[in-house]
Amino acid sequence: MIGTDLVRVTEANEIFVSTKKIVSGSRTIIDDIILYCSNKALILLYFECVCIVFKKYWVNFRLDKCKFLKDRVKCVGVDIMKDENAPAQSKFYMINNWELPTSGQLLFSFIGLINFYHR
């Protein structure tokens, strides 16, 4: 919750959060909302709640980018599945075909990638 001392409404019904003006009718971009549940009825209830919030705040879905009831979802380089999470399948090819590092920076990049996926 935002503290009431940070929110200010002017006589012209303009809303400010701190010094930032909230513009009525503006669009908000939200990427990668993931809802997870092993029960389909419950996940539909979660999704209904998200829809209610989106409708209240005039947020739109881009249905061409929506995916529903998938067994495997890629998120931030990790495949999220029903029983476990694993490194994204697309990363295996990248790691196996990584060119031999020719500088310290390239070696550092490779070590960072391996450290992320070492589990």
N, C-alpha and C. Protein backbone atom coordinates (compact mmCIF):
# COMPACT_ATOMS: atom_id res chain seq x y z
N MET A 1 0.84 -1.19 0.00
CA MET A 1 0.00 0.00 0.00
C MET A 1 0.88 1.24 0.00
N ILE A 2 0.42 2.24 -0.66
CA ILE A 2 1.11 3.51 -0.69
C ILE A 2 0.62 4.34 0.48
N GLY A 3 1.56 4.92 1.23
CA GLY A 3 1.19 5.76 2.36
C GLY A 3 0.37 6.95 1.92
N THR A 4 -0.61 7.32 2.72
CA THR A 4 -1.50 8.42 2.33
C THR A 4 -0.76 9.75 2.23
N ASP A 5 0.38 9.87 2.89
CA ASP A 5 1.14 11.12 2.78
C ASP A 5 1.82 11.25 1.43
N LEU A 6 1.95 10.14 0.68
CA LEU A 6 2.56 10.19 -0.65
C LEU A 6 1.54 10.48 -1.74
N VAL A 7 0.25 10.20 -1.48
CA VAL A 7 -0.79 10.38 -2.49
C VAL A 7 -1.50 11.70 -2.22
N ARG A 8 -1.65 12.51 -3.29
CA ARG A 8 -2.30 13.80 -3.16
C ARG A 8 -3.29 13.97 -4.29
N VAL A 9 -4.51 14.41 -3.95
CA VAL A 9 -5.54 14.68 -4.95
C VAL A 9 -5.82 16.18 -4.93
N THR A 10 -5.72 16.81 -6.10
CA THR A 10 -5.92 18.25 -6.18
C THR A 10 -7.41 18.56 -6.32
N GLU A 11 -7.75 19.85 -6.28
CA GLU A 11 -9.14 20.27 -6.45
C GLU A 11 -9.66 19.92 -7.83
N ALA A 12 -8.79 19.80 -8.82
CA ALA A 12 -9.18 19.45 -10.18
C ALA A 12 -9.22 17.93 -10.38
N ASN A 13 -9.19 17.19 -9.25
CA ASN A 13 -9.20 15.72 -9.26
C ASN A 13 -8.00 15.11 -9.98
N GLU A 14 -6.88 15.80 -9.96
CA GLU A 14 -5.64 15.22 -10.46
C GLU A 14 -5.00 14.44 -9.32
N ILE A 15 -4.46 13.27 -9.64
CA ILE A 15 -3.86 12.41 -8.62
C ILE A 15 -2.35 12.43 -8.80
N PHE A 16 -1.64 12.66 -7.69
CA PHE A 16 -0.19 12.65 -7.69
C PHE A 16 0.29 11.61 -6.68
N VAL A 17 1.27 10.80 -7.08
CA VAL A 17 1.97 9.91 -6.17
C VAL A 17 3.36 10.50 -6.05
N SER A 18 3.68 11.00 -4.87
CA SER A 18 4.88 11.78 -4.64
C SER A 18 4.80 12.99 -5.57
N THR A 19 5.70 13.11 -6.54
CA THR A 19 5.64 14.24 -7.47
C THR A 19 5.16 13.82 -8.86
N LYS A 20 4.84 12.53 -9.03
CA LYS A 20 4.44 12.02 -10.35
C LYS A 20 2.93 12.06 -10.50
N LYS A 21 2.48 12.70 -11.59
CA LYS A 21 1.05 12.80 -11.87
C LYS A 21 0.56 11.51 -12.51
N ILE A 22 -0.54 10.97 -11.99
CA ILE A 22 -1.17 9.80 -12.56
C ILE A 22 -2.22 10.30 -13.55
N VAL A 23 -2.08 9.91 -14.80
CA VAL A 23 -2.94 10.41 -15.86
C VAL A 23 -4.09 9.43 -16.05
N SER A 24 -5.30 9.91 -15.98
CA SER A 24 -6.48 9.09 -16.17
C SER A 24 -6.53 8.58 -17.61
N GLY A 25 -6.81 7.28 -17.75
CA GLY A 25 -6.91 6.71 -19.07
C GLY A 25 -5.57 6.29 -19.66
N SER A 26 -4.49 6.43 -18.89
CA SER A 26 -3.19 6.03 -19.42
C SER A 26 -3.11 4.51 -19.49
N ARG A 27 -2.21 4.00 -20.30
CA ARG A 27 -2.03 2.57 -20.45
C ARG A 27 -0.82 2.11 -19.65
N THR A 28 -0.94 0.95 -19.07
CA THR A 28 0.14 0.37 -18.29
C THR A 28 0.59 -0.91 -18.98
N ILE A 29 1.89 -1.08 -19.11
CA ILE A 29 2.42 -2.29 -19.72
C ILE A 29 2.96 -3.18 -18.61
N ILE A 30 2.44 -4.40 -18.55
CA ILE A 30 2.89 -5.38 -17.56
C ILE A 30 3.33 -6.60 -18.34
N ASP A 31 4.57 -7.02 -18.16
CA ASP A 31 5.08 -8.19 -18.86
C ASP A 31 5.11 -9.39 -17.93
N ASP A 32 4.88 -10.55 -18.51
CA ASP A 32 5.11 -11.82 -17.86
C ASP A 32 4.40 -12.01 -16.53
N ILE A 33 3.11 -12.08 -16.58
CA ILE A 33 2.34 -12.48 -15.40
C ILE A 33 2.20 -13.98 -15.48
N ILE A 34 2.66 -14.67 -14.46
CA ILE A 34 2.58 -16.12 -14.43
C ILE A 34 1.73 -16.53 -13.26
N LEU A 35 0.70 -17.29 -13.54
CA LEU A 35 -0.15 -17.86 -12.50
C LEU A 35 0.11 -19.36 -12.50
N TYR A 36 0.38 -19.92 -11.33
CA TYR A 36 0.70 -21.34 -11.25
C TYR A 36 -0.17 -22.01 -10.22
N CYS A 37 -0.72 -23.15 -10.57
CA CYS A 37 -1.49 -23.97 -9.64
C CYS A 37 -1.68 -25.34 -10.28
N SER A 38 -1.69 -26.39 -9.47
CA SER A 38 -1.88 -27.73 -10.02
C SER A 38 -3.36 -28.08 -10.19
N ASN A 39 -4.24 -27.19 -9.76
CA ASN A 39 -5.68 -27.41 -9.85
C ASN A 39 -6.26 -26.45 -10.88
N LYS A 40 -6.84 -26.99 -11.97
CA LYS A 40 -7.33 -26.12 -13.05
C LYS A 40 -8.46 -25.19 -12.59
N ALA A 41 -9.35 -25.68 -11.73
CA ALA A 41 -10.45 -24.83 -11.25
C ALA A 41 -9.91 -23.65 -10.46
N LEU A 42 -8.89 -23.89 -9.64
CA LEU A 42 -8.30 -22.83 -8.83
C LEU A 42 -7.54 -21.83 -9.69
N ILE A 43 -6.85 -22.30 -10.71
CA ILE A 43 -6.11 -21.38 -11.57
C ILE A 43 -7.07 -20.48 -12.34
N LEU A 44 -8.23 -21.01 -12.70
CA LEU A 44 -9.23 -20.17 -13.36
C LEU A 44 -9.76 -19.10 -12.41
N LEU A 45 -9.89 -19.44 -11.13
CA LEU A 45 -10.28 -18.44 -10.14
C LEU A 45 -9.21 -17.36 -10.00
N TYR A 46 -7.94 -17.76 -9.96
CA TYR A 46 -6.84 -16.78 -9.91
C TYR A 46 -6.91 -15.86 -11.12
N PHE A 47 -7.11 -16.46 -12.30
CA PHE A 47 -7.16 -15.67 -13.51
C PHE A 47 -8.34 -14.70 -13.50
N GLU A 48 -9.46 -15.13 -12.96
CA GLU A 48 -10.61 -14.24 -12.84
C GLU A 48 -10.28 -13.04 -11.96
N CYS A 49 -9.53 -13.27 -10.88
CA CYS A 49 -9.10 -12.16 -10.00
C CYS A 49 -8.21 -11.19 -10.76
N VAL A 50 -7.29 -11.70 -11.55
CA VAL A 50 -6.41 -10.84 -12.35
C VAL A 50 -7.26 -10.03 -13.33
N CYS A 51 -8.23 -10.66 -13.95
CA CYS A 51 -9.11 -9.96 -14.90
C CYS A 51 -9.89 -8.84 -14.22
N ILE A 52 -10.34 -9.08 -13.00
CA ILE A 52 -11.08 -8.05 -12.25
C ILE A 52 -10.18 -6.85 -11.99
N VAL A 53 -8.94 -7.11 -11.57
CA VAL A 53 -7.99 -6.01 -11.31
C VAL A 53 -7.67 -5.29 -12.61
N PHE A 54 -7.44 -6.02 -13.68
CA PHE A 54 -7.15 -5.39 -14.97
C PHE A 54 -8.30 -4.52 -15.42
N LYS A 55 -9.52 -4.99 -15.27
CA LYS A 55 -10.68 -4.21 -15.69
C LYS A 55 -10.80 -2.94 -14.86
N LYS A 56 -10.56 -3.07 -13.56
CA LYS A 56 -10.67 -1.91 -12.66
C LYS A 56 -9.68 -0.81 -13.05
N TYR A 57 -8.45 -1.21 -13.41
CA TYR A 57 -7.41 -0.23 -13.70
C TYR A 57 -7.17 -0.03 -15.20
N TRP A 58 -8.09 -0.48 -16.03
CA TRP A 58 -8.04 -0.27 -17.47
C TRP A 58 -6.77 -0.83 -18.10
N VAL A 59 -6.35 -1.98 -17.66
CA VAL A 59 -5.17 -2.65 -18.23
C VAL A 59 -5.67 -3.66 -19.24
N ASN A 60 -4.99 -3.76 -20.37
CA ASN A 60 -5.42 -4.65 -21.44
C ASN A 60 -4.50 -5.85 -21.57
N PHE A 61 -5.06 -6.97 -22.01
CA PHE A 61 -4.30 -8.14 -22.40
C PHE A 61 -4.05 -8.07 -23.90
N ARG A 62 -2.92 -8.57 -24.33
CA ARG A 62 -2.70 -8.82 -25.75
C ARG A 62 -2.85 -10.31 -25.94
N LEU A 63 -4.01 -10.72 -26.40
CA LEU A 63 -4.31 -12.15 -26.48
C LEU A 63 -3.34 -12.90 -27.39
N ASP A 64 -2.75 -12.22 -28.37
CA ASP A 64 -1.77 -12.90 -29.23
C ASP A 64 -0.50 -13.27 -28.47
N LYS A 65 -0.30 -12.69 -27.28
CA LYS A 65 0.87 -13.02 -26.47
C LYS A 65 0.53 -13.89 -25.26
N CYS A 66 -0.75 -14.16 -25.05
CA CYS A 66 -1.19 -14.95 -23.89
C CYS A 66 -1.06 -16.44 -24.18
N LYS A 67 -0.67 -17.18 -23.15
CA LYS A 67 -0.59 -18.65 -23.23
C LYS A 67 -1.32 -19.19 -22.01
N PHE A 68 -2.19 -20.15 -22.24
CA PHE A 68 -3.01 -20.69 -21.16
C PHE A 68 -2.78 -22.19 -21.00
N LEU A 69 -2.76 -22.64 -19.76
CA LEU A 69 -2.74 -24.06 -19.40
C LEU A 69 -1.62 -24.83 -20.10
N LYS A 70 -0.42 -24.29 -20.06
CA LYS A 70 0.75 -24.94 -20.66
C LYS A 70 1.42 -25.87 -19.65
N ASP A 71 2.01 -26.97 -20.15
CA ASP A 71 2.73 -27.89 -19.28
C ASP A 71 4.14 -27.38 -18.96
N ARG A 72 4.68 -26.54 -19.84
CA ARG A 72 6.04 -26.02 -19.67
C ARG A 72 6.03 -24.56 -20.09
N VAL A 73 6.54 -23.68 -19.22
CA VAL A 73 6.58 -22.24 -19.50
C VAL A 73 8.00 -21.75 -19.29
N LYS A 74 8.53 -21.03 -20.26
CA LYS A 74 9.88 -20.46 -20.15
C LYS A 74 9.77 -19.08 -19.53
N CYS A 75 10.52 -18.84 -18.47
CA CYS A 75 10.52 -17.55 -17.80
C CYS A 75 11.92 -17.26 -17.28
N VAL A 76 12.53 -16.19 -17.73
CA VAL A 76 13.85 -15.73 -17.30
C VAL A 76 14.88 -16.87 -17.38
N GLY A 77 14.89 -17.58 -18.51
CA GLY A 77 15.88 -18.62 -18.73
C GLY A 77 15.64 -19.92 -17.99
N VAL A 78 14.47 -20.07 -17.39
CA VAL A 78 14.14 -21.29 -16.66
C VAL A 78 12.82 -21.83 -17.20
N ASP A 79 12.76 -23.15 -17.41
CA ASP A 79 11.50 -23.80 -17.78
C ASP A 79 10.78 -24.21 -16.51
N ILE A 80 9.58 -23.68 -16.33
CA ILE A 80 8.77 -24.00 -15.16
C ILE A 80 7.80 -25.09 -15.57
N MET A 81 7.85 -26.22 -14.82
CA MET A 81 7.01 -27.36 -15.14
C MET A 81 6.24 -27.80 -13.90
N LYS A 82 5.33 -28.72 -14.08
CA LYS A 82 4.48 -29.18 -12.99
C LYS A 82 5.29 -29.74 -11.82
N ASP A 83 6.23 -30.61 -12.09
CA ASP A 83 6.96 -31.30 -11.02
C ASP A 83 8.30 -30.68 -10.66
N GLU A 84 8.88 -29.91 -11.57
CA GLU A 84 10.21 -29.34 -11.30
C GLU A 84 10.47 -28.16 -12.22
N ASN A 85 11.51 -27.44 -11.91
CA ASN A 85 12.00 -26.37 -12.78
C ASN A 85 13.35 -26.81 -13.32
N ALA A 86 13.69 -26.36 -14.52
CA ALA A 86 14.94 -26.75 -15.15
C ALA A 86 15.44 -25.60 -16.01
N PRO A 87 16.75 -25.61 -16.32
CA PRO A 87 17.23 -24.59 -17.25
C PRO A 87 16.46 -24.68 -18.56
N ALA A 88 16.21 -23.56 -19.18
CA ALA A 88 15.47 -23.54 -20.44
C ALA A 88 16.18 -24.40 -21.47
N GLN A 89 15.42 -25.18 -22.23
CA GLN A 89 16.00 -26.07 -23.24
C GLN A 89 16.85 -25.29 -24.24
N SER A 90 16.46 -24.05 -24.54
CA SER A 90 17.20 -23.25 -25.51
C SER A 90 18.60 -22.91 -25.02
N LYS A 91 18.84 -22.98 -23.72
CA LYS A 91 20.16 -22.63 -23.18
C LYS A 91 21.17 -23.76 -23.35
N PHE A 92 20.70 -25.01 -23.44
CA PHE A 92 21.62 -26.14 -23.59
C PHE A 92 22.44 -26.00 -24.87
N TYR A 93 21.79 -25.66 -25.97
CA TYR A 93 22.50 -25.48 -27.23
C TYR A 93 23.51 -24.34 -27.10
N MET A 94 23.11 -23.24 -26.50
CA MET A 94 23.99 -22.09 -26.36
C MET A 94 25.24 -22.45 -25.54
N ILE A 95 25.05 -23.17 -24.44
CA ILE A 95 26.18 -23.54 -23.58
C ILE A 95 27.10 -24.53 -24.30
N ASN A 96 26.52 -25.54 -24.94
CA ASN A 96 27.33 -26.56 -25.62
C ASN A 96 28.10 -26.01 -26.81
N ASN A 97 27.62 -24.95 -27.43
CA ASN A 97 28.27 -24.39 -28.61
C ASN A 97 28.95 -23.05 -28.34
N TRP A 98 29.21 -22.74 -27.08
CA TRP A 98 29.88 -21.49 -26.71
C TRP A 98 31.30 -21.52 -27.25
N GLU A 99 31.69 -20.48 -27.93
CA GLU A 99 33.05 -20.41 -28.47
C GLU A 99 34.06 -20.22 -27.35
N LEU A 100 35.26 -20.73 -27.56
CA LEU A 100 36.33 -20.61 -26.57
C LEU A 100 36.58 -19.13 -26.29
N PRO A 101 36.49 -18.71 -25.03
CA PRO A 101 36.68 -17.29 -24.70
C PRO A 101 38.09 -16.82 -25.09
N THR A 102 38.15 -15.64 -25.68
CA THR A 102 39.44 -15.07 -26.11
C THR A 102 39.84 -13.87 -25.26
N SER A 103 38.99 -13.51 -24.29
CA SER A 103 39.33 -12.39 -23.41
C SER A 103 38.77 -12.67 -22.03
N GLY A 104 39.22 -11.89 -21.08
CA GLY A 104 38.73 -12.04 -19.70
C GLY A 104 37.24 -11.75 -19.60
N GLN A 105 36.76 -10.76 -20.35
CA GLN A 105 35.33 -10.42 -20.32
C GLN A 105 34.47 -11.56 -20.84
N LEU A 106 34.90 -12.20 -21.94
CA LEU A 106 34.15 -13.33 -22.49
C LEU A 106 34.18 -14.53 -21.54
N LEU A 107 35.30 -14.74 -20.88
CA LEU A 107 35.39 -15.82 -19.89
C LEU A 107 34.47 -15.52 -18.70
N PHE A 108 34.47 -14.27 -18.27
CA PHE A 108 33.59 -13.86 -17.16
C PHE A 108 32.12 -14.07 -17.52
N SER A 109 31.74 -13.76 -18.78
CA SER A 109 30.36 -13.97 -19.23
C SER A 109 29.99 -15.45 -19.18
N PHE A 110 30.91 -16.30 -19.65
CA PHE A 110 30.64 -17.74 -19.65
C PHE A 110 30.52 -18.27 -18.22
N ILE A 111 31.39 -17.85 -17.34
CA ILE A 111 31.34 -18.29 -15.94
C ILE A 111 30.04 -17.83 -15.28
N GLY A 112 29.60 -16.61 -15.58
CA GLY A 112 28.34 -16.11 -15.04
C GLY A 112 27.15 -16.95 -15.50
N LEU A 113 27.16 -17.33 -16.78
CA LEU A 113 26.09 -18.17 -17.33
C LEU A 113 26.08 -19.54 -16.66
N ILE A 114 27.26 -20.14 -16.52
CA ILE A 114 27.36 -21.46 -15.90
C ILE A 114 26.96 -21.40 -14.44
N ASN A 115 27.35 -20.35 -13.74
CA ASN A 115 26.96 -20.21 -12.32
C ASN A 115 25.45 -20.09 -12.17
N PHE A 116 24.80 -19.42 -13.13
CA PHE A 116 23.34 -19.28 -13.05
C PHE A 116 22.66 -20.64 -13.19
N TYR A 117 23.20 -21.50 -14.05
CA TYR A 117 22.56 -22.79 -14.33
C TYR A 117 23.19 -23.96 -13.59
N HIS A 118 24.14 -23.75 -12.72
CA HIS A 118 24.86 -24.87 -12.09
C HIS A 118 23.95 -25.79 -11.27
N ARG A 119 22.82 -25.29 -10.79
CA ARG A 119 21.90 -26.16 -10.04
C ARG A 119 21.27 -27.15 -10.97
